[in-house]
């Protein structure tokens, strides 16, 4: 039983990643055939498609009544995206951070994190909460489209090259692209079913909560596309794209994924007390930490990447210890929230302050 659970878990992850890739390719080319500019395709179809695994899993979990899994998937993915994926990518090559990202996207990510936390403070996310969050992602996408028109030409070329939108259109190509969309959706739905069912079974077999499974196994699994994209971007020298990809993914996870899951769920999604007490604050702290790190030189150095990875290891260790009921877990968690995170925050503020004074000099 346990072996097949792991097999189904892996199958689910593979189907999710493959489904997202096929869906994005088919939808992007079909949209191009209808005359939609590559820039609009990149900011809508592609952006939503890269969050398709998280969306499929969280929506499926919410519909099955596994609210902890849905919440854990989003929180865990956002924490893993910054600490693990950006950390590992920065170890591969120091990352460049654009000024727009610091001035606009990172503050939006922090704001979205705080809004979700505030909405979840009463212990649940209702359909109204979900509608508010989804309205936020629609507004954010429209703003991106409008503001990006200033650099429309270069971005059009970039998206067109990435997804082959300038290739000659073959006869009945729309049928093939429509077929890719259908196949992608089928793979996503099937993969999410496999992943959610196996994750719930795994939690029961191991005697740990669905929240912890969502925060770790499921979160890392659904973040694999972002990991591959960011590392490949860093290797190719497109180191600013790697950072933007992660920040954008986090915003979509909070507003789109949780928004859709809350709206589609048969009842309000319950938010566990320990998630409100620990996991949400960690997610917000990680988002806030991006500002001083990104601002200090507009880059993420290897030592900062190592710091991110070390924090993720510590966070995961806490989850494992707390799930097994180890008495050390509570002390470890209190130390992280009460001493390590604040001390790091002060250090980052000092570093950012010195960088700001250096630029003014």
Protein backbone atom coordinates (compact mmCIF):
# COMPACT_ATOMS: atom_id res chain seq x y z
CA UNK A 1 0.00 0.00 0.00
CA UNK A 2 2.74 2.43 0.95
CA UNK A 3 4.82 1.59 -2.14
CA UNK A 4 1.88 2.16 -4.50
CA UNK A 5 1.14 5.43 -2.70
CA UNK A 6 4.62 6.69 -3.55
CA UNK A 7 4.23 5.44 -7.14
CA UNK A 8 0.92 7.30 -7.54
CA UNK A 9 2.50 10.39 -5.99
CA UNK A 10 5.31 10.37 -8.56
CA UNK A 11 2.88 9.66 -11.41
CA UNK A 12 0.74 12.58 -10.27
CA UNK A 13 3.73 14.95 -10.25
CA UNK A 14 4.88 13.84 -13.70
CA UNK A 15 1.38 14.26 -15.16
CA UNK A 16 1.05 17.73 -13.59
CA UNK A 17 4.34 18.98 -15.01
CA UNK A 18 3.66 17.47 -18.44
CA UNK A 19 0.08 18.76 -18.45
CA UNK A 20 1.14 22.31 -17.65
CA UNK A 21 3.75 22.31 -20.43
CA UNK A 22 1.36 20.91 -23.05
CA UNK A 23 -1.45 23.27 -21.99
CA UNK A 24 0.75 26.37 -22.19
CA UNK A 25 2.18 25.44 -25.61
CA UNK A 26 -1.22 24.66 -27.12
CA UNK A 27 -2.99 27.68 -25.62
CA UNK A 28 -0.21 30.11 -26.58
CA UNK A 29 -0.17 29.02 -30.22
CA UNK A 30 -3.96 28.92 -30.48
CA UNK A 31 -4.19 32.43 -29.05
CA UNK A 32 -1.56 33.61 -31.57
CA UNK A 33 -3.65 32.18 -34.42
CA UNK A 34 -6.54 34.38 -33.31
CA UNK A 35 -4.32 37.44 -33.61
CA UNK A 36 -3.59 37.98 -29.92
CA UNK A 37 -0.19 39.73 -29.50
CA UNK A 38 2.64 37.61 -27.98
CA UNK A 39 2.97 40.09 -25.09
CA UNK A 40 -0.64 39.52 -24.02
CA UNK A 41 -0.19 35.77 -24.41
CA UNK A 42 2.91 35.82 -22.22
CA UNK A 43 1.29 37.84 -19.46
CA UNK A 44 -1.97 35.85 -19.39
CA UNK A 45 -1.91 32.37 -20.95
CA UNK A 46 1.69 31.59 -20.01
CA UNK A 47 1.47 33.20 -16.55
CA UNK A 48 -1.65 31.26 -15.63
CA UNK A 49 -0.28 28.10 -17.20
CA UNK A 50 2.89 28.03 -15.09
CA UNK A 51 0.70 28.05 -11.97
CA UNK A 52 -1.51 25.29 -13.39
CA UNK A 53 -0.05 22.50 -11.18
CA UNK A 54 -0.69 24.47 -7.97
CA UNK A 55 -4.15 25.45 -9.23
CA UNK A 56 -5.13 21.89 -10.17
CA UNK A 57 -3.93 20.43 -6.86
CA UNK A 58 -5.42 23.10 -4.59
CA UNK A 59 -8.78 23.14 -6.41
CA UNK A 60 -8.97 19.34 -6.38
CA UNK A 61 -8.03 19.24 -2.69
CA UNK A 62 -10.62 21.91 -1.83
CA UNK A 63 -13.35 20.03 -3.71
CA UNK A 64 -12.42 16.84 -1.85
CA UNK A 65 -12.65 18.59 1.51
CA UNK A 66 -8.88 18.53 2.06
CA UNK A 67 -8.53 22.21 2.91
CA UNK A 68 -5.24 21.72 4.76
CA UNK A 69 -3.70 20.28 1.61
CA UNK A 70 -4.95 23.21 -0.49
CA UNK A 71 -3.63 25.82 1.96
CA UNK A 72 -0.39 23.95 2.60
CA UNK A 73 0.29 23.65 -1.13
CA UNK A 74 0.16 27.43 -1.64
CA UNK A 75 2.04 28.45 1.52
CA UNK A 76 4.63 25.73 1.02
CA UNK A 77 5.10 26.57 -2.66
CA UNK A 78 5.66 30.25 -1.91
CA UNK A 79 8.20 29.47 0.80
CA UNK A 80 9.95 26.87 -1.38
CA UNK A 81 9.98 29.21 -4.40
CA UNK A 82 12.01 31.85 -2.56
CA UNK A 83 14.10 29.90 -0.07
CA UNK A 84 14.75 26.71 -2.02
CA UNK A 85 14.44 27.60 -5.70
CA UNK A 86 15.95 31.11 -5.59
CA UNK A 87 18.55 29.83 -3.14
CA UNK A 88 19.64 26.93 -5.32
CA UNK A 89 19.52 29.10 -8.46
CA UNK A 90 21.69 31.78 -6.81
CA UNK A 91 24.22 29.07 -5.93
CA UNK A 92 24.38 28.18 -9.63
CA UNK A 93 24.91 31.83 -10.61
CA UNK A 94 24.39 35.13 -8.73
CA UNK A 95 21.02 36.57 -9.78
CA UNK A 96 20.22 40.05 -11.05
CA UNK A 97 17.15 41.87 -9.69
CA UNK A 98 15.41 44.54 -11.77
CA UNK A 99 14.39 47.83 -10.20
CA UNK A 100 10.76 47.32 -11.29
CA UNK A 101 10.68 44.06 -9.37
CA UNK A 102 11.76 45.82 -6.17
CA UNK A 103 9.50 48.83 -6.61
CA UNK A 104 6.37 47.00 -7.79
CA UNK A 105 6.22 43.20 -7.84
CA UNK A 106 7.87 42.39 -4.50
CA UNK A 107 5.67 44.91 -2.61
CA UNK A 108 2.63 43.38 -4.36
CA UNK A 109 3.79 39.91 -3.27
CA UNK A 110 4.15 41.15 0.33
CA UNK A 111 0.77 42.89 0.16
CA UNK A 112 -0.94 39.79 -1.24
CA UNK A 113 0.60 37.68 1.54
CA UNK A 114 -0.74 40.07 4.18
CA UNK A 115 -4.20 40.20 2.57
CA UNK A 116 -4.48 36.39 2.49
CA UNK A 117 -3.32 36.23 6.13
CA UNK A 118 -5.93 38.82 7.13
CA UNK A 119 -8.71 37.00 5.27
CA UNK A 120 -7.69 33.68 6.85
CA UNK A 121 -7.41 35.14 10.36
CA UNK A 122 -10.98 34.04 11.23
CA UNK A 123 -9.99 30.42 10.54
CA UNK A 124 -11.41 30.02 7.04
CA UNK A 125 -11.42 31.28 3.46
CA UNK A 126 -14.96 31.78 2.14
CA UNK A 127 -16.21 32.14 -1.41
CA UNK A 128 -16.32 35.89 -0.90
CA UNK A 129 -12.67 35.82 0.20
CA UNK A 130 -11.84 33.81 -2.90
CA UNK A 131 -13.69 36.28 -5.14
CA UNK A 132 -11.72 39.17 -3.62
CA UNK A 133 -8.42 37.38 -4.21
CA UNK A 134 -9.31 36.46 -7.79
CA UNK A 135 -10.35 40.05 -8.49
CA UNK A 136 -6.86 41.00 -7.35
CA UNK A 137 -5.16 38.73 -9.90
CA UNK A 138 -7.37 40.07 -12.70
CA UNK A 139 -6.46 43.66 -11.73
CA UNK A 140 -2.76 42.76 -11.44
CA UNK A 141 -2.73 41.10 -14.89
CA UNK A 142 -4.49 44.04 -16.53
CA UNK A 143 -2.00 46.41 -14.92
CA UNK A 144 0.92 44.34 -16.24
CA UNK A 145 -0.52 44.39 -19.75
CA UNK A 146 -1.07 48.15 -19.72
CA UNK A 147 2.29 49.02 -18.14
CA UNK A 148 4.24 46.63 -20.38
CA UNK A 149 3.13 48.33 -23.60
CA UNK A 150 6.05 50.76 -23.23
CA UNK A 151 8.46 47.92 -24.00
CA UNK A 152 6.03 46.04 -26.20
CA UNK A 153 8.31 45.37 -29.15
CA UNK A 154 11.13 43.59 -27.31
CA UNK A 155 8.76 41.60 -25.09
CA UNK A 156 6.69 40.55 -28.11
CA UNK A 157 9.86 39.20 -29.75
CA UNK A 158 10.89 37.44 -26.53
CA UNK A 159 7.58 35.61 -26.04
CA UNK A 160 7.24 34.84 -29.76
CA UNK A 161 10.70 33.26 -29.85
CA UNK A 162 10.17 31.28 -26.63
CA UNK A 163 6.90 29.69 -27.76
CA UNK A 164 7.46 29.55 -31.51
CA UNK A 165 4.65 32.01 -32.27
CA UNK A 166 6.35 33.31 -35.43
CA UNK A 167 6.44 29.92 -37.12
CA UNK A 168 4.38 29.45 -40.32
CA UNK A 169 0.84 28.33 -39.52
CA UNK A 170 0.11 24.85 -40.84
CA UNK A 171 -3.31 23.81 -42.18
CA UNK A 172 -5.68 22.75 -39.42
CA UNK A 173 -3.09 23.85 -36.85
CA UNK A 174 -5.93 25.12 -34.67
CA UNK A 175 -7.20 21.54 -34.36
CA UNK A 176 -3.79 20.36 -33.16
CA UNK A 177 -3.47 23.25 -30.67
CA UNK A 178 -6.99 22.69 -29.39
CA UNK A 179 -6.09 19.03 -28.97
CA UNK A 180 -2.99 20.02 -26.96
CA UNK A 181 -5.14 22.15 -24.66
CA UNK A 182 -7.56 19.26 -24.08
CA UNK A 183 -4.70 16.81 -23.49
CA UNK A 184 -3.06 19.28 -21.09
CA UNK A 185 -6.26 19.72 -19.11
CA UNK A 186 -6.81 15.96 -18.94
CA UNK A 187 -3.24 15.43 -17.72
CA UNK A 188 -3.65 18.18 -15.09
CA UNK A 189 -6.94 16.81 -13.77
CA UNK A 190 -5.65 13.22 -13.76
CA UNK A 191 -2.36 14.24 -12.18
CA UNK A 192 -4.07 16.30 -9.48
CA UNK A 193 -6.35 13.37 -8.65
CA UNK A 194 -3.37 11.04 -8.29
CA UNK A 195 -1.38 13.55 -6.27
CA UNK A 196 -4.17 14.59 -3.90
CA UNK A 197 -5.35 11.02 -3.22
CA UNK A 198 -1.81 9.71 -2.68
CA UNK A 199 -0.89 12.70 -0.49
CA UNK A 200 -3.90 12.15 1.77
CA UNK A 201 -3.11 8.42 1.97
CA UNK A 202 0.54 9.14 2.70
CA UNK A 203 -0.40 11.51 5.52
CA UNK A 204 -2.58 8.82 7.11
CA UNK A 205 0.03 6.08 6.70
CA UNK A 206 2.81 8.22 8.19
CA UNK A 207 0.54 9.63 10.88
CA UNK A 208 1.19 13.26 10.01
CA UNK A 209 -1.20 16.03 9.00
CA UNK A 210 -2.29 16.84 5.46
CA UNK A 211 -1.03 20.37 6.11
CA UNK A 212 2.56 19.15 6.57
CA UNK A 213 2.33 16.98 3.43
CA UNK A 214 1.03 20.00 1.53
CA UNK A 215 3.77 22.25 2.91
CA UNK A 216 6.55 19.84 1.93
CA UNK A 217 6.04 17.03 -0.59
CA UNK A 218 3.17 18.55 -2.58
CA UNK A 219 4.58 22.10 -2.45
CA UNK A 220 8.02 21.05 -3.72
CA UNK A 221 6.45 18.84 -6.38
CA UNK A 222 4.20 21.54 -7.82
CA UNK A 223 7.14 23.98 -7.76
CA UNK A 224 9.32 21.76 -9.97
CA UNK A 225 8.45 23.71 -13.16
CA UNK A 226 9.60 26.95 -11.51
CA UNK A 227 12.81 25.24 -10.35
CA UNK A 228 13.62 24.00 -13.84
CA UNK A 229 12.74 27.36 -15.45
CA UNK A 230 14.82 29.41 -12.99
CA UNK A 231 17.91 27.21 -13.16
CA UNK A 232 17.82 27.11 -16.98
CA UNK A 233 17.39 30.89 -17.07
CA UNK A 234 20.42 31.32 -14.78
CA UNK A 235 22.53 28.95 -16.90
CA UNK A 236 21.55 30.83 -20.08
CA UNK A 237 22.50 34.12 -18.46
CA UNK A 238 18.90 35.34 -18.20
CA UNK A 239 19.35 35.83 -14.46
CA UNK A 240 16.76 38.59 -14.11
CA UNK A 241 14.07 36.31 -15.59
CA UNK A 242 14.78 33.70 -12.91
CA UNK A 243 13.87 36.12 -10.12
CA UNK A 244 10.84 37.59 -11.90
CA UNK A 245 9.51 34.10 -12.58
CA UNK A 246 9.51 33.26 -8.85
CA UNK A 247 7.95 36.52 -7.64
CA UNK A 248 5.24 36.33 -10.31
CA UNK A 249 4.50 32.70 -9.42
CA UNK A 250 4.06 33.60 -5.75
CA UNK A 251 1.61 36.39 -6.58
CA UNK A 252 -0.43 34.03 -8.78
CA UNK A 253 -0.40 31.33 -6.11
CA UNK A 254 -1.85 33.69 -3.50
CA UNK A 255 -4.42 35.50 -5.62
CA UNK A 256 -5.33 33.06 -8.40
CA UNK A 257 -4.82 29.60 -6.89
CA UNK A 258 -6.29 30.33 -3.46
CA UNK A 259 -8.96 32.52 -5.06
CA UNK A 260 -10.18 29.78 -7.40
CA UNK A 261 -9.92 27.07 -4.73
CA UNK A 262 -11.99 29.13 -2.27
CA UNK A 263 -14.65 29.96 -4.86
CA UNK A 264 -15.01 26.39 -6.16
CA UNK A 265 -14.87 24.67 -2.75
CA UNK A 266 -18.31 23.35 -1.62
CA UNK A 267 -17.77 25.06 1.73
CA UNK A 268 -15.37 27.55 3.27
CA UNK A 269 -11.80 26.23 3.39
CA UNK A 270 -10.73 25.76 7.00
CA UNK A 271 -7.35 27.20 7.94
CA UNK A 272 -5.50 25.32 10.69
CA UNK A 273 -4.52 27.26 13.81
CA UNK A 274 -0.89 26.14 13.58
CA UNK A 275 -0.73 27.42 9.98
CA UNK A 276 -1.91 30.85 11.18
CA UNK A 277 0.52 30.77 14.11
CA UNK A 278 3.65 29.63 12.26
CA UNK A 279 3.49 28.93 8.51
CA UNK A 280 1.77 32.15 7.47
CA UNK A 281 4.22 34.31 9.48
CA UNK A 282 7.16 32.43 7.93
CA UNK A 283 5.75 32.98 4.42
CA UNK A 284 5.29 36.71 5.11
CA UNK A 285 8.75 37.00 6.71
CA UNK A 286 10.33 35.33 3.67
CA UNK A 287 8.49 37.71 1.33
CA UNK A 288 9.53 40.77 3.36
CA UNK A 289 13.15 39.54 3.49
CA UNK A 290 13.29 39.79 -0.30
CA UNK A 291 13.18 43.60 -0.22
CA UNK A 292 16.44 44.33 1.65
CA UNK A 293 18.24 41.39 0.00
CA UNK A 294 17.15 42.41 -3.48
CA UNK A 295 17.78 46.11 -2.76
CA UNK A 296 21.35 45.57 -1.55
CA UNK A 297 23.10 45.77 -4.89
CA UNK A 298 20.10 44.62 -6.98
CA UNK A 299 21.38 41.06 -6.99
CA UNK A 300 21.24 37.85 -5.01
CA UNK A 301 24.75 36.66 -4.22
CA UNK A 302 25.80 33.10 -3.59
CA UNK A 303 26.09 33.62 0.18
CA UNK A 304 22.52 34.92 0.22
CA UNK A 305 21.42 31.90 -1.79
CA UNK A 306 23.14 29.67 0.76
CA UNK A 307 21.30 31.55 3.54
CA UNK A 308 17.98 30.93 1.78
CA UNK A 309 18.67 27.20 1.41
CA UNK A 310 19.78 26.94 5.06
CA UNK A 311 16.53 28.58 6.17
CA UNK A 312 14.51 26.16 4.06
CA UNK A 313 16.32 23.19 5.58
CA UNK A 314 15.62 24.60 9.07
CA UNK A 315 11.94 25.22 8.22
CA UNK A 316 11.52 21.70 6.82
CA UNK A 317 13.29 20.22 9.85
CA UNK A 318 10.83 22.02 12.11
CA UNK A 319 7.86 20.61 10.15
CA UNK A 320 9.26 17.07 10.39
CA UNK A 321 9.99 17.41 14.12
CA UNK A 322 6.57 18.89 14.89
CA UNK A 323 4.77 16.21 12.86
CA UNK A 324 6.49 13.45 14.83
CA UNK A 325 5.64 15.07 18.16
CA UNK A 326 9.24 15.67 19.21
CA UNK A 327 9.40 17.96 22.28
CA UNK A 328 12.33 19.83 20.72
CA UNK A 329 10.09 21.05 17.88
CA UNK A 330 8.34 23.73 19.94
CA UNK A 331 11.62 25.14 21.22
CA UNK A 332 13.05 25.05 17.70
CA UNK A 333 10.00 26.88 16.29
CA UNK A 334 10.09 29.54 19.01
CA UNK A 335 13.80 30.08 18.37
CA UNK A 336 13.18 30.59 14.64
CA UNK A 337 10.29 33.04 15.12
CA UNK A 338 11.65 34.83 18.18
CA UNK A 339 15.37 35.03 17.53
CA UNK A 340 16.69 33.80 14.19
CA UNK A 341 14.21 35.57 11.87
CA UNK A 342 14.29 38.93 13.71
CA UNK A 343 18.09 38.83 13.90
CA UNK A 344 18.30 38.11 10.20
CA UNK A 345 15.80 40.91 9.49
CA UNK A 346 17.92 43.43 11.40
CA UNK A 347 21.04 42.26 9.56
CA UNK A 348 19.31 42.63 6.20
CA UNK A 349 18.05 46.12 7.05
CA UNK A 350 21.59 47.16 8.00
CA UNK A 351 22.96 45.75 4.73
CA UNK A 352 20.23 47.50 2.72
CA UNK A 353 20.86 50.77 4.61
CA UNK A 354 24.57 50.66 3.86
CA UNK A 355 23.84 49.92 0.18
CA UNK A 356 21.42 52.86 0.03
CA UNK A 357 23.91 55.27 1.63
CA UNK A 358 26.63 54.01 -0.72
CA UNK A 359 24.42 54.77 -3.74
CA UNK A 360 23.65 58.26 -2.39
CA UNK A 361 27.31 59.04 -1.80
